Amino acid sequence: MLPQITSKHALVDFTKQLAYDFGSQGIKANLIAPGFIDTKMTEGIDDPRLKDIPAERAGKPEEVAAVALFLASDESDYIQGTESKVDGGWTVGR
């Protein structure tokens, strides 16, 4: 599991570096980190980790899309280099 953790941290730091390097040019760089999302790929999976999600359910694709739309909008102009976790609180306390 270490390579997965390393690659995720690399994406977080890469996002921060992009924001630092290009933010002054009006380019926003933010990261969306979805958790367990109910899609065709996860259909029928009875994942025991779902019990550990404070929201007590899988996420919906529309919820991830809403975050993406917000980050792409003018309302998020002052948000730079962030990681938005769309995971129902799964990473809380981890």
C-alpha atoms as a PDB file:
ATOM      1  CA  MET A   1       0.000   0.000   0.000  1.00  0.00           C
ATOM      2  CA  LEU A   2       2.980   2.318   0.376  1.00  0.00           C
ATOM      3  CA  PRO A   3       3.190   3.140  -3.383  1.00  0.00           C
ATOM      4  CA  GLN A   4      -0.462   4.302  -3.303  1.00  0.00           C
ATOM      5  CA  ILE A   5       0.189   6.563  -0.331  1.00  0.00           C
ATOM      6  CA  THR A   6       3.334   7.947  -1.930  1.00  0.00           C
ATOM      7  CA  SER A   7       1.594   8.697  -5.222  1.00  0.00           C
ATOM      8  CA  LYS A   8      -1.292  10.455  -3.459  1.00  0.00           C
ATOM      9  CA  HIS A   9       1.101  12.638  -1.481  1.00  0.00           C
ATOM     10  CA  ALA A  10       2.935  13.410  -4.706  1.00  0.00           C
ATOM     11  CA  LEU A  11      -0.318  14.654  -6.262  1.00  0.00           C
ATOM     12  CA  VAL A  12      -1.044  16.860  -3.234  1.00  0.00           C
ATOM     13  CA  ASP A  13       2.407  18.443  -3.364  1.00  0.00           C
ATOM     14  CA  PHE A  14       2.333  18.731  -7.161  1.00  0.00           C
ATOM     15  CA  THR A  15      -0.979  20.611  -6.891  1.00  0.00           C
ATOM     16  CA  LYS A  16       0.533  23.014  -4.364  1.00  0.00           C
ATOM     17  CA  GLN A  17       3.551  23.587  -6.586  1.00  0.00           C
ATOM     18  CA  LEU A  18       1.341  24.263  -9.626  1.00  0.00           C
ATOM     19  CA  ALA A  19      -0.650  26.804  -7.615  1.00  0.00           C
ATOM     20  CA  TYR A  20       2.562  28.468  -6.445  1.00  0.00           C
ATOM     21  CA  ASP A  21       4.109  28.591  -9.899  1.00  0.00           C
ATOM     22  CA  PHE A  22       1.065  29.625 -11.940  1.00  0.00           C
ATOM     23  CA  GLY A  23      -1.360  31.311  -9.541  1.00  0.00           C
ATOM     24  CA  SER A  24       0.008  34.744 -10.373  1.00  0.00           C
ATOM     25  CA  GLN A  25      -0.933  34.096 -14.003  1.00  0.00           C
ATOM     26  CA  GLY A  26      -4.580  33.475 -13.111  1.00  0.00           C
ATOM     27  CA  ILE A  27      -4.288  29.691 -13.298  1.00  0.00           C
ATOM     28  CA  LYS A  28      -5.957  27.811 -10.442  1.00  0.00           C
ATOM     29  CA  ALA A  29      -4.664  24.434  -9.319  1.00  0.00           C
ATOM     30  CA  ASN A  30      -6.724  22.390  -6.868  1.00  0.00           C
ATOM     31  CA  LEU A  31      -7.121  18.685  -6.189  1.00  0.00           C
ATOM     32  CA  ILE A  32     -10.326  16.706  -5.718  1.00  0.00           C
ATOM     33  CA  ALA A  33      -9.838  13.524  -3.684  1.00  0.00           C
ATOM     34  CA  PRO A  34     -12.999  11.407  -3.852  1.00  0.00           C
ATOM     35  CA  GLY A  35     -13.620   8.549  -1.471  1.00  0.00           C
ATOM     36  CA  PHE A  36     -15.880   5.563  -2.080  1.00  0.00           C
ATOM     37  CA  ILE A  37     -18.248   6.777  -4.820  1.00  0.00           C
ATOM     38  CA  ASP A  38     -21.294   4.821  -5.984  1.00  0.00           C
ATOM     39  CA  THR A  39     -20.596   4.126  -9.657  1.00  0.00           C
ATOM     40  CA  LYS A  40     -20.909   1.181 -12.039  1.00  0.00           C
ATOM     41  CA  MET A  41     -17.368   0.236 -11.056  1.00  0.00           C
ATOM     42  CA  THR A  42     -18.340  -0.081  -7.365  1.00  0.00           C
ATOM     43  CA  GLU A  43     -21.789  -1.562  -7.995  1.00  0.00           C
ATOM     44  CA  GLY A  44     -22.368  -4.697  -5.928  1.00  0.00           C
ATOM     45  CA  ILE A  45     -19.303  -4.183  -3.751  1.00  0.00           C
ATOM     46  CA  ASP A  46     -20.058  -4.716  -0.084  1.00  0.00           C
ATOM     47  CA  ASP A  47     -17.040  -2.880   1.283  1.00  0.00           C
ATOM     48  CA  PRO A  48     -16.714  -3.156   5.069  1.00  0.00           C
ATOM     49  CA  ARG A  49     -15.042   0.275   5.100  1.00  0.00           C
ATOM     50  CA  LEU A  50     -18.438   1.849   4.331  1.00  0.00           C
ATOM     51  CA  LYS A  51     -19.215   1.408   8.051  1.00  0.00           C
ATOM     52  CA  ASP A  52     -16.248   3.676   8.847  1.00  0.00           C
ATOM     53  CA  ILE A  53     -17.624   6.602   6.829  1.00  0.00           C
ATOM     54  CA  PRO A  54     -19.274   9.157   9.145  1.00  0.00           C
ATOM     55  CA  ALA A  55     -21.849   9.920   6.409  1.00  0.00           C
ATOM     56  CA  GLU A  56     -22.714   6.188   6.561  1.00  0.00           C
ATOM     57  CA  ARG A  57     -23.012   5.825   2.791  1.00  0.00           C
ATOM     58  CA  ALA A  58     -21.129   5.899  -0.453  1.00  0.00           C
ATOM     59  CA  GLY A  59     -20.828   9.217  -2.240  1.00  0.00           C
ATOM     60  CA  LYS A  60     -22.708  10.161  -5.369  1.00  0.00           C
ATOM     61  CA  PRO A  61     -20.980  11.179  -8.605  1.00  0.00           C
ATOM     62  CA  GLU A  62     -23.049  14.377  -8.551  1.00  0.00           C
ATOM     63  CA  GLU A  63     -21.428  15.348  -5.245  1.00  0.00           C
ATOM     64  CA  VAL A  64     -17.958  15.105  -6.757  1.00  0.00           C
ATOM     65  CA  ALA A  65     -19.156  17.011  -9.828  1.00  0.00           C
ATOM     66  CA  ALA A  66     -20.546  19.798  -7.618  1.00  0.00           C
ATOM     67  CA  VAL A  67     -17.111  20.329  -6.061  1.00  0.00           C
ATOM     68  CA  ALA A  68     -15.490  20.343  -9.515  1.00  0.00           C
ATOM     69  CA  LEU A  69     -17.994  22.902 -10.786  1.00  0.00           C
ATOM     70  CA  PHE A  70     -17.428  25.115  -7.757  1.00  0.00           C
ATOM     71  CA  LEU A  71     -13.653  24.980  -8.137  1.00  0.00           C
ATOM     72  CA  ALA A  72     -13.983  25.814 -11.839  1.00  0.00           C
ATOM     73  CA  SER A  73     -16.269  28.776 -11.113  1.00  0.00           C
ATOM     74  CA  ASP A  74     -15.405  32.407 -10.423  1.00  0.00           C
ATOM     75  CA  GLU A  75     -16.628  31.955  -6.833  1.00  0.00           C
ATOM     76  CA  SER A  76     -13.468  29.967  -6.074  1.00  0.00           C
ATOM     77  CA  ASP A  77     -10.995  32.509  -7.481  1.00  0.00           C
ATOM     78  CA  TYR A  78      -9.177  32.862  -4.143  1.00  0.00           C
ATOM     79  CA  ILE A  79      -8.859  29.114  -3.578  1.00  0.00           C
ATOM     80  CA  GLN A  80      -5.421  27.874  -4.614  1.00  0.00           C
ATOM     81  CA  GLY A  81      -3.455  24.694  -3.983  1.00  0.00           C
ATOM     82  CA  THR A  82      -6.108  22.942  -1.912  1.00  0.00           C
ATOM     83  CA  GLU A  83      -7.153  19.325  -1.602  1.00  0.00           C
ATOM     84  CA  SER A  84     -10.929  18.887  -1.441  1.00  0.00           C
ATOM     85  CA  LYS A  85     -11.792  15.538   0.087  1.00  0.00           C
ATOM     86  CA  VAL A  86     -15.187  14.327  -1.068  1.00  0.00           C
ATOM     87  CA  ASP A  87     -15.261  11.235   1.106  1.00  0.00           C
ATOM     88  CA  GLY A  88     -18.154  11.591   3.548  1.00  0.00           C
ATOM     89  CA  GLY A  89     -15.659  12.183   6.335  1.00  0.00           C
ATOM     90  CA  TRP A  90     -13.810   8.879   5.901  1.00  0.00           C
ATOM     91  CA  THR A  91     -10.411  10.501   6.368  1.00  0.00           C
ATOM     92  CA  VAL A  92     -11.446  12.307   9.551  1.00  0.00           C
ATOM     93  CA  GLY A  93      -9.069  11.241  12.296  1.00  0.00           C
ATOM     94  CA  ARG A  94      -6.859   9.192  10.017  1.00  0.00           C
END
